Amino acid sequence: MVHRHRLRFALDSFCLGMILLHGVVLWHAYGQIVEALPDLRIFYTAGLMLRRGQGPTLYNDDLQLKTQREFVALRPTDHSPLPYNHPPFEAILFLPFTYLPFLRGYALWFLVNGLLLAISIHVVRPYIPAIVKELPELLFLAPLAFFPVFYAFLQGQDSVLLLLLYCLAYAAFRRGRDLQAGIWLGLGLFKFHLVLPFAFILLLRRRWRALGGILLSACGEIAVSCALVGWRELLYYPRYAWHVNQLQAKAVIVPANMPNLRGLLTGWNQSPTMRLPLDLLLLGLSLCLLVWVARRWTPSDLLHADAWDTGFSLAVIATFLVGYHGYNQDFSIALLPILLTFNRLLHSERSRVGTALRILLGLLFLSPLYLVLTLVLRKQSFFALVILAFLFCLAKFRPTQDCTPAAQATASA
């Protein structure tokens, strides 16, 4: 009992400390928010262009720059916009926010993100009973103490929405509703690089109904995109997205600040002749990692909840690592596997792997580490080593192979 009280005090104090630090960072970033410099400006720009009937030229850099100059404090020397490189259909979500000035739109999206985060926790609450019973305050503190979630709030990014969709997909999978789970995942294709690797794992596991659900959502999104921008602009989008991906010299795409495999391999000053070999090596390693993870998850085995949760968590973490484009805010999706892992650790026996996982969980929540790597060293790619260590330790964390009544009820639901 004394041990539990000490654990609760230590965890609560740690989370509150991280939240306080986030508040300080938010305070110092207020000037940049007023100048409309956060990432929300790309969504606001796209929403404005749709409102003005400029959908057929949504991916025109000159028009994007002209639109951003209306509300962003750009320097005269800025001759290119922060580009909207997301699929067309997502822009419609932000159209209503353009009826407000940018700062008020930012505040509203900040509140919406808070609501999305609360719904995410509510969705997974039934599947983390140990946390709910013993440390219920962590359901509130831990999400706010997780730096990627805070950074998504700060930047006005859409990563918390993707987290919610992963939570909804997880709950649907656990109830045996693969088609519904696939539909939820498909709705997350606004960040397709953080969904398609997961879909590849489902393909390897032959989860056809889930893949069918992703395809249904994709068809709807294509139809909406076509209605918004027309076929010509829709077909141009992949070329535009790849063009934006090449703008490393203009600091639009910065692999050195990507905590994933791409950052580890290509986040260095390499010669142009090395780019193709490194990209091929990255592709090979990514495929190997996804195949390795797929062999450790059996989606059909819902009776063994611990093993199922471990496999799902591995799939989500691996999806982020192999995603070709991923920054701190995109790692928000890891909050789900982190909560699932911590829920198991609360009642697990002491072991070397369990101790290693506890240390790694502490590092994943250590906000100063994110700040130093990103702002001081400008090598957030190093954080991929922590994520890889977490992935491999989790794979070695032996599940409890029991079939509890609760697990049976979940599987038969």
Protein backbone atom coordinates (compact mmCIF):
# COMPACT_ATOMS: atom_id res chain seq x y z
CA MET A 1 0.00 0.00 0.00
CA VAL A 2 2.84 2.39 0.92
CA HIS A 3 4.55 1.52 -2.37
CA ARG A 4 1.38 2.46 -4.33
CA HIS A 5 1.12 5.80 -2.52
CA ARG A 6 4.74 6.58 -3.34
CA LEU A 7 4.23 5.55 -6.95
CA ARG A 8 1.14 7.75 -7.24
CA PHE A 9 2.93 10.74 -5.71
CA ALA A 10 5.97 10.27 -7.97
CA LEU A 11 3.91 9.89 -11.16
CA ASP A 12 1.56 12.76 -10.36
CA SER A 13 4.47 15.05 -9.48
CA PHE A 14 6.35 14.10 -12.65
CA CYS A 15 3.31 14.73 -14.86
CA LEU A 16 2.52 18.03 -13.17
CA GLY A 17 6.13 19.10 -13.68
CA MET A 18 5.94 18.34 -17.40
CA ILE A 19 2.60 20.16 -17.70
CA LEU A 20 4.07 23.21 -15.92
CA LEU A 21 6.99 23.17 -18.38
CA HIS A 22 4.53 23.02 -21.28
CA GLY A 23 2.78 26.06 -19.86
CA VAL A 24 6.07 27.95 -19.81
CA VAL A 25 6.79 26.97 -23.42
CA LEU A 26 3.29 28.06 -24.45
CA TRP A 27 3.79 31.41 -22.73
CA HIS A 28 7.08 32.03 -24.55
CA ALA A 29 5.50 30.99 -27.87
CA TYR A 30 2.62 33.45 -27.53
CA GLY A 31 4.35 36.06 -29.69
CA GLN A 32 4.71 33.57 -32.54
CA ILE A 33 1.07 32.56 -32.17
CA VAL A 34 -0.03 36.19 -32.49
CA GLU A 35 2.06 36.46 -35.66
CA ALA A 36 0.24 33.37 -37.03
CA LEU A 37 3.47 31.38 -37.34
CA PRO A 38 2.28 27.96 -36.02
CA ASP A 39 1.47 25.15 -38.45
CA LEU A 40 -2.24 25.91 -38.24
CA ARG A 41 -1.61 28.55 -40.90
CA ILE A 42 -1.41 25.90 -43.63
CA PHE A 43 -4.90 24.63 -42.75
CA TYR A 44 -6.23 28.16 -42.36
CA THR A 45 -4.77 29.02 -45.78
CA ALA A 46 -6.40 26.00 -47.41
CA GLY A 47 -9.74 26.77 -45.76
CA LEU A 48 -9.61 30.38 -46.97
CA MET A 49 -8.83 29.30 -50.50
CA LEU A 50 -11.75 26.87 -50.52
CA ARG A 51 -14.07 29.57 -49.19
CA ARG A 52 -13.04 31.85 -52.04
CA GLY A 53 -13.62 29.22 -54.69
CA GLN A 54 -9.90 28.68 -55.30
CA GLY A 55 -10.05 24.92 -54.80
CA PRO A 56 -8.91 24.17 -58.39
CA THR A 57 -5.66 26.07 -57.59
CA LEU A 58 -5.25 24.83 -54.02
CA TYR A 59 -1.68 23.65 -54.62
CA ASN A 60 -0.46 26.82 -56.30
CA ASP A 61 2.43 28.14 -54.20
CA ASP A 62 1.99 31.73 -55.35
CA LEU A 63 -1.68 31.78 -54.32
CA GLN A 64 -0.88 30.09 -51.02
CA LEU A 65 1.79 32.72 -50.33
CA LYS A 66 -0.55 35.56 -51.29
CA THR A 67 -3.22 34.17 -48.96
CA GLN A 68 -0.79 33.72 -46.06
CA ARG A 69 0.45 37.30 -46.39
CA GLU A 70 -3.06 38.42 -45.41
CA PHE A 71 -2.76 37.08 -41.85
CA VAL A 72 0.85 35.92 -41.28
CA ALA A 73 3.66 38.29 -40.28
CA LEU A 74 5.92 37.22 -43.15
CA ARG A 75 9.18 38.97 -43.94
CA PRO A 76 9.55 40.71 -47.33
CA THR A 77 12.28 38.18 -48.14
CA ASP A 78 9.85 35.26 -47.74
CA HIS A 79 9.07 34.24 -51.30
CA SER A 80 7.44 30.88 -50.60
CA PRO A 81 4.63 29.82 -48.25
CA LEU A 82 4.58 27.19 -45.57
CA PRO A 83 2.88 24.81 -48.01
CA TYR A 84 -0.40 23.02 -47.49
CA ASN A 85 0.75 19.51 -48.46
CA HIS A 86 -2.17 17.52 -47.07
CA PRO A 87 -4.86 15.86 -49.22
CA PRO A 88 -7.63 18.18 -50.47
CA PHE A 89 -10.47 16.67 -48.43
CA GLU A 90 -8.94 17.71 -45.09
CA ALA A 91 -9.11 21.40 -45.98
CA ILE A 92 -12.89 21.40 -45.62
CA LEU A 93 -12.54 20.68 -41.88
CA PHE A 94 -10.85 24.03 -41.39
CA LEU A 95 -13.10 26.12 -43.61
CA PRO A 96 -15.42 27.09 -40.67
CA PHE A 97 -12.42 28.44 -38.71
CA THR A 98 -11.69 30.97 -41.46
CA TYR A 99 -14.82 32.93 -40.50
CA LEU A 100 -12.82 34.00 -37.44
CA PRO A 101 -9.57 35.99 -37.34
CA PHE A 102 -6.57 33.68 -37.17
CA LEU A 103 -5.91 34.13 -33.44
CA ARG A 104 -9.52 33.35 -32.53
CA GLY A 105 -9.53 30.44 -34.97
CA TYR A 106 -6.35 29.17 -33.29
CA ALA A 107 -7.99 29.40 -29.86
CA LEU A 108 -11.07 27.54 -31.11
CA TRP A 109 -8.99 24.76 -32.69
CA PHE A 110 -7.01 24.55 -29.43
CA LEU A 111 -10.29 23.86 -27.60
CA VAL A 112 -11.42 21.39 -30.25
CA ASN A 113 -8.13 19.52 -29.83
CA GLY A 114 -8.83 19.35 -26.11
CA LEU A 115 -12.23 17.83 -26.81
CA LEU A 116 -10.72 15.31 -29.26
CA LEU A 117 -8.15 14.31 -26.64
CA ALA A 118 -10.84 13.85 -23.97
CA ILE A 119 -12.89 11.65 -26.31
CA SER A 120 -9.78 9.59 -27.10
CA ILE A 121 -9.22 8.83 -23.42
CA HIS A 122 -12.92 8.06 -22.94
CA VAL A 123 -12.82 5.55 -25.82
CA VAL A 124 -9.86 3.57 -24.43
CA ARG A 125 -10.89 3.85 -20.77
CA PRO A 126 -12.60 0.41 -20.67
CA TYR A 127 -9.38 -1.26 -21.89
CA ILE A 128 -7.01 0.16 -19.24
CA PRO A 129 -8.77 -0.97 -16.03
CA ALA A 130 -5.63 -0.98 -13.86
CA ILE A 131 -5.02 2.72 -14.51
CA VAL A 132 -8.69 3.57 -14.03
CA LYS A 133 -8.83 1.73 -10.70
CA GLU A 134 -5.49 2.65 -9.15
CA LEU A 135 -4.34 5.89 -10.81
CA PRO A 136 -7.42 7.52 -12.35
CA GLU A 137 -5.91 11.00 -12.27
CA LEU A 138 -3.35 9.86 -14.85
CA LEU A 139 -6.12 9.70 -17.43
CA PHE A 140 -6.12 13.49 -17.21
CA LEU A 141 -2.48 14.20 -16.39
CA ALA A 142 -0.62 11.81 -18.69
CA PRO A 143 -2.06 13.06 -22.01
CA LEU A 144 -1.29 16.67 -21.09
CA ALA A 145 2.19 15.71 -19.88
CA PHE A 146 3.04 13.94 -23.16
CA PHE A 147 5.11 16.41 -25.16
CA PRO A 148 3.98 15.29 -28.67
CA VAL A 149 0.34 15.94 -27.69
CA PHE A 150 1.24 19.34 -26.24
CA TYR A 151 3.26 20.18 -29.35
CA ALA A 152 0.30 19.26 -31.55
CA PHE A 153 -1.81 21.72 -29.51
CA LEU A 154 0.88 24.40 -29.76
CA GLN A 155 1.29 24.08 -33.52
CA GLY A 156 -2.44 23.77 -34.20
CA GLN A 157 -1.74 20.45 -35.88
CA ASP A 158 -4.20 17.66 -36.73
CA SER A 159 -2.29 14.88 -34.93
CA VAL A 160 -4.73 14.62 -32.01
CA LEU A 161 -7.51 13.90 -34.50
CA LEU A 162 -5.43 11.01 -35.85
CA LEU A 163 -4.90 9.78 -32.28
CA LEU A 164 -8.68 9.73 -31.78
CA LEU A 165 -9.16 7.72 -34.99
CA TYR A 166 -6.56 5.18 -33.85
CA CYS A 167 -8.34 4.90 -30.48
CA LEU A 168 -11.68 4.34 -32.22
CA ALA A 169 -10.08 1.75 -34.52
CA TYR A 170 -8.51 0.00 -31.53
CA ALA A 171 -11.84 -0.23 -29.70
CA ALA A 172 -13.55 -1.53 -32.85
CA PHE A 173 -10.83 -4.17 -33.37
CA ARG A 174 -11.17 -5.30 -29.76
CA ARG A 175 -14.90 -5.79 -30.31
CA GLY A 176 -14.20 -7.84 -33.43
CA ARG A 177 -15.56 -5.17 -35.80
CA ASP A 178 -12.82 -5.08 -38.39
CA LEU A 179 -14.83 -3.25 -41.04
CA GLN A 180 -15.65 -0.43 -38.63
CA ALA A 181 -12.02 -0.29 -37.50
CA GLY A 182 -10.89 -0.01 -41.11
CA ILE A 183 -13.31 2.85 -41.75
CA TRP A 184 -11.92 4.76 -38.77
CA LEU A 185 -8.35 4.18 -39.98
CA GLY A 186 -9.29 5.24 -43.50
CA LEU A 187 -10.59 8.55 -42.17
CA GLY A 188 -7.04 9.18 -40.97
CA LEU A 189 -5.63 9.22 -44.49
CA PHE A 190 -5.13 12.97 -44.20
CA LYS A 191 -1.84 11.69 -42.74
CA PHE A 192 -1.60 8.73 -45.11
CA HIS A 193 2.06 8.12 -44.26
CA LEU A 194 0.94 7.25 -40.70
CA VAL A 195 -1.89 4.95 -41.78
CA LEU A 196 -0.67 3.06 -44.85
CA PRO A 197 2.15 1.23 -42.98
CA PHE A 198 -0.48 -0.01 -40.51
CA ALA A 199 -2.63 -1.07 -43.47
CA PHE A 200 0.36 -3.01 -44.84
CA ILE A 201 0.55 -4.92 -41.54
CA LEU A 202 -3.17 -5.70 -41.86
CA LEU A 203 -2.49 -6.92 -45.39
CA LEU A 204 0.23 -9.25 -44.15
CA ARG A 205 -2.22 -10.56 -41.52
CA ARG A 206 -4.97 -10.93 -44.20
CA ARG A 207 -7.49 -8.74 -42.39
CA TRP A 208 -9.59 -8.20 -45.50
CA ARG A 209 -12.60 -6.59 -43.80
CA ALA A 210 -10.40 -3.97 -42.15
CA LEU A 211 -8.69 -3.27 -45.46
CA GLY A 212 -12.12 -3.01 -47.08
CA GLY A 213 -13.08 -0.40 -44.48
CA ILE A 214 -9.96 1.64 -45.26
CA LEU A 215 -10.81 1.43 -48.96
CA LEU A 216 -14.39 2.61 -48.32
CA SER A 217 -13.14 5.67 -46.46
CA ALA A 218 -10.55 6.34 -49.15
CA CYS A 219 -13.21 6.25 -51.88
CA GLY A 220 -15.32 8.76 -49.96
CA GLU A 221 -12.32 11.03 -49.42
CA ILE A 222 -11.42 10.89 -53.11
CA ALA A 223 -14.99 11.87 -54.02
CA VAL A 224 -14.94 14.79 -51.58
CA SER A 225 -11.52 15.89 -52.82
CA CYS A 226 -12.69 15.79 -56.42
CA ALA A 227 -15.73 17.91 -55.55
CA LEU A 228 -13.52 20.46 -53.79
CA VAL A 229 -10.64 20.86 -56.23
CA GLY A 230 -11.51 18.92 -59.40
CA TRP A 231 -9.82 15.90 -60.98
CA ARG A 232 -6.90 17.86 -62.44
CA GLU A 233 -5.79 19.31 -59.09
CA LEU A 234 -6.43 16.00 -57.33
CA LEU A 235 -4.20 14.14 -59.79
CA TYR A 236 -1.57 16.87 -59.41
CA TYR A 237 -1.51 16.48 -55.62
CA PRO A 238 0.93 13.49 -55.41
CA ARG A 239 3.45 15.38 -57.57
CA TYR A 240 3.04 18.49 -55.42
CA ALA A 241 3.48 16.53 -52.18
CA TRP A 242 6.67 14.97 -53.54
CA HIS A 243 7.88 18.41 -54.65
CA VAL A 244 7.36 19.76 -51.12
CA ASN A 245 9.24 16.74 -49.78
CA GLN A 246 12.31 17.86 -51.74
CA LEU A 247 12.38 21.36 -50.18
CA GLN A 248 14.95 20.47 -47.54
CA ALA A 249 17.13 23.45 -48.43
CA LYS A 250 14.28 25.80 -47.48
CA ALA A 251 13.77 24.04 -44.13
CA VAL A 252 10.25 22.95 -45.07
CA ILE A 253 11.19 19.29 -44.70
CA VAL A 254 13.89 18.62 -42.09
CA PRO A 255 14.78 14.91 -41.70
CA ALA A 256 17.20 15.80 -38.90
CA ASN A 257 14.18 16.69 -36.75
CA MET A 258 12.23 13.54 -37.59
CA PRO A 259 12.39 10.97 -34.76
CA ASN A 260 11.93 8.03 -37.12
CA LEU A 261 13.99 5.76 -39.36
CA ARG A 262 14.19 8.39 -42.08
CA GLY A 263 15.65 10.86 -39.61
CA LEU A 264 18.22 8.37 -38.36
CA LEU A 265 19.38 7.44 -41.86
CA THR A 266 19.07 10.66 -43.84
CA GLY A 267 19.12 13.42 -41.19
CA TRP A 268 22.74 14.17 -41.92
CA ASN A 269 24.66 16.31 -44.39
CA GLN A 270 25.18 13.69 -47.05
CA SER A 271 26.15 14.23 -50.67
CA PRO A 272 23.40 14.09 -53.34
CA THR A 273 24.91 10.85 -54.63
CA MET A 274 24.09 9.17 -51.32
CA ARG A 275 20.40 10.09 -51.33
CA LEU A 276 19.21 7.21 -53.53
CA PRO A 277 21.22 4.46 -51.72
CA LEU A 278 20.02 5.75 -48.36
CA ASP A 279 16.40 5.87 -49.54
CA LEU A 280 16.69 2.28 -50.79
CA LEU A 281 18.21 1.23 -47.48
CA LEU A 282 15.39 3.03 -45.67
CA LEU A 283 12.80 1.20 -47.77
CA GLY A 284 14.40 -2.16 -47.05
CA LEU A 285 14.65 -1.57 -43.30
CA SER A 286 11.06 -0.28 -43.16
CA LEU A 287 9.71 -3.38 -44.91
CA CYS A 288 11.71 -5.66 -42.62
CA LEU A 289 10.42 -3.87 -39.52
CA LEU A 290 6.79 -4.08 -40.67
CA VAL A 291 7.11 -7.78 -41.49
CA TRP A 292 8.78 -8.42 -38.12
CA VAL A 293 5.98 -6.63 -36.28
CA ALA A 294 3.26 -8.36 -38.31
CA ARG A 295 4.61 -11.74 -37.17
CA ARG A 296 4.13 -10.64 -33.55
CA TRP A 297 0.48 -9.65 -33.80
CA THR A 298 -2.43 -12.00 -34.32
CA PRO A 299 -5.48 -9.71 -34.73
CA SER A 300 -7.88 -12.66 -34.67
CA ASP A 301 -6.74 -13.82 -31.20
CA LEU A 302 -8.96 -11.57 -29.09
CA LEU A 303 -9.09 -14.00 -26.16
CA HIS A 304 -5.58 -13.12 -24.99
CA ALA A 305 -5.95 -9.40 -24.35
CA ASP A 306 -2.35 -8.78 -23.23
CA ALA A 307 -0.86 -10.43 -26.30
CA TRP A 308 -3.32 -8.64 -28.57
CA ASP A 309 -2.60 -5.23 -27.02
CA THR A 310 1.14 -5.82 -27.31
CA GLY A 311 0.84 -6.70 -30.99
CA PHE A 312 -1.36 -3.69 -31.72
CA SER A 313 1.02 -1.40 -29.83
CA LEU A 314 3.98 -2.72 -31.80
CA ALA A 315 2.09 -2.06 -35.04
CA VAL A 316 1.35 1.56 -34.10
CA ILE A 317 4.93 2.30 -32.99
CA ALA A 318 6.37 0.66 -36.10
CA THR A 319 3.95 2.66 -38.27
CA PHE A 320 5.35 5.88 -36.87
CA LEU A 321 8.96 4.74 -37.24
CA VAL A 322 8.60 3.84 -40.92
CA GLY A 323 6.41 6.84 -41.77
CA TYR A 324 8.34 8.87 -44.30
CA HIS A 325 7.27 12.18 -42.77
CA GLY A 326 6.96 12.51 -39.02
CA TYR A 327 7.72 15.17 -36.43
CA ASN A 328 7.18 15.44 -32.68
CA GLN A 329 3.45 16.14 -32.99
CA ASP A 330 2.93 13.04 -35.15
CA PHE A 331 4.19 10.85 -32.31
CA SER A 332 0.93 11.71 -30.51
CA ILE A 333 -0.49 8.41 -31.80
CA ALA A 334 1.97 6.65 -29.46
CA LEU A 335 -0.10 7.79 -26.46
CA LEU A 336 -2.43 4.83 -27.06
CA PRO A 337 0.25 2.08 -26.94
CA ILE A 338 1.93 3.89 -24.05
CA LEU A 339 -1.27 3.76 -21.97
CA LEU A 340 -1.82 0.11 -22.88
CA THR A 341 1.75 -0.74 -21.87
CA PHE A 342 1.61 1.15 -18.59
CA ASN A 343 -1.69 -0.54 -17.75
CA ARG A 344 0.07 -3.92 -18.01
CA LEU A 345 3.13 -2.78 -16.09
CA LEU A 346 1.03 -1.87 -13.05
CA HIS A 347 0.35 -5.54 -12.32
CA SER A 348 3.34 -7.21 -13.97
CA GLU A 349 6.04 -9.04 -12.07
CA ARG A 350 9.43 -7.38 -11.72
CA SER A 351 11.81 -8.27 -14.55
CA ARG A 352 14.65 -6.72 -16.50
CA VAL A 353 12.41 -6.07 -19.47
CA GLY A 354 9.73 -4.52 -17.25
CA THR A 355 12.32 -2.25 -15.60
CA ALA A 356 13.67 -1.23 -19.00
CA LEU A 357 10.15 -0.42 -20.19
CA ARG A 358 9.53 1.76 -17.13
CA ILE A 359 12.74 3.71 -17.80
CA LEU A 360 11.85 4.11 -21.48
CA LEU A 361 8.34 5.29 -20.61
CA GLY A 362 9.94 7.94 -18.42
CA LEU A 363 12.13 9.06 -21.33
CA LEU A 364 9.12 9.17 -23.67
CA PHE A 365 7.48 11.62 -21.26
CA LEU A 366 10.62 13.64 -20.53
CA SER A 367 9.78 16.94 -22.20
CA PRO A 368 13.21 18.56 -21.62
CA LEU A 369 14.72 15.81 -23.77
CA TYR A 370 12.43 16.73 -26.67
CA LEU A 371 13.26 20.42 -26.24
CA VAL A 372 17.03 19.92 -26.11
CA LEU A 373 17.09 17.63 -29.14
CA THR A 374 14.82 19.91 -31.17
CA LEU A 375 15.86 23.43 -30.17
CA VAL A 376 19.48 23.05 -29.02
CA LEU A 377 20.99 20.12 -30.92
CA ARG A 378 18.48 20.29 -33.81
CA LYS A 379 18.74 16.51 -34.03
CA GLN A 380 15.37 15.19 -32.89
CA SER A 381 16.20 12.19 -35.09
CA PHE A 382 18.23 10.86 -32.13
CA PHE A 383 14.95 10.32 -30.28
CA ALA A 384 14.21 7.49 -32.73
CA LEU A 385 16.73 5.45 -30.72
CA VAL A 386 14.50 5.75 -27.64
CA ILE A 387 11.45 4.75 -29.68
CA LEU A 388 13.28 1.76 -31.20
CA ALA A 389 14.41 0.64 -27.75
CA PHE A 390 10.81 0.90 -26.53
CA LEU A 391 9.62 -1.13 -29.53
CA PHE A 392 12.07 -3.99 -28.99
CA CYS A 393 11.61 -4.08 -25.20
CA LEU A 394 7.85 -4.21 -25.68
CA ALA A 395 8.27 -7.11 -28.11
CA LYS A 396 10.18 -9.01 -25.40
CA PHE A 397 7.64 -8.20 -22.68
CA ARG A 398 5.94 -11.56 -22.25
CA PRO A 399 2.14 -11.30 -22.19
CA THR A 400 0.07 -13.11 -19.62
CA GLN A 401 -1.49 -15.88 -21.68
CA ASP A 402 -4.71 -16.18 -19.74
CA CYS A 403 -8.25 -16.04 -20.93
CA THR A 404 -10.08 -14.03 -18.32
CA PRO A 405 -13.87 -13.67 -18.31
CA ALA A 406 -13.43 -10.01 -19.17
CA ALA A 407 -11.32 -10.91 -22.17
CA GLN A 408 -13.88 -13.48 -23.28
CA ALA A 409 -16.67 -10.91 -22.99
CA THR A 410 -14.66 -8.43 -25.02
CA ALA A 411 -13.92 -10.98 -27.72
CA SER A 412 -17.54 -12.07 -28.03
CA ALA A 413 -18.96 -8.54 -28.03
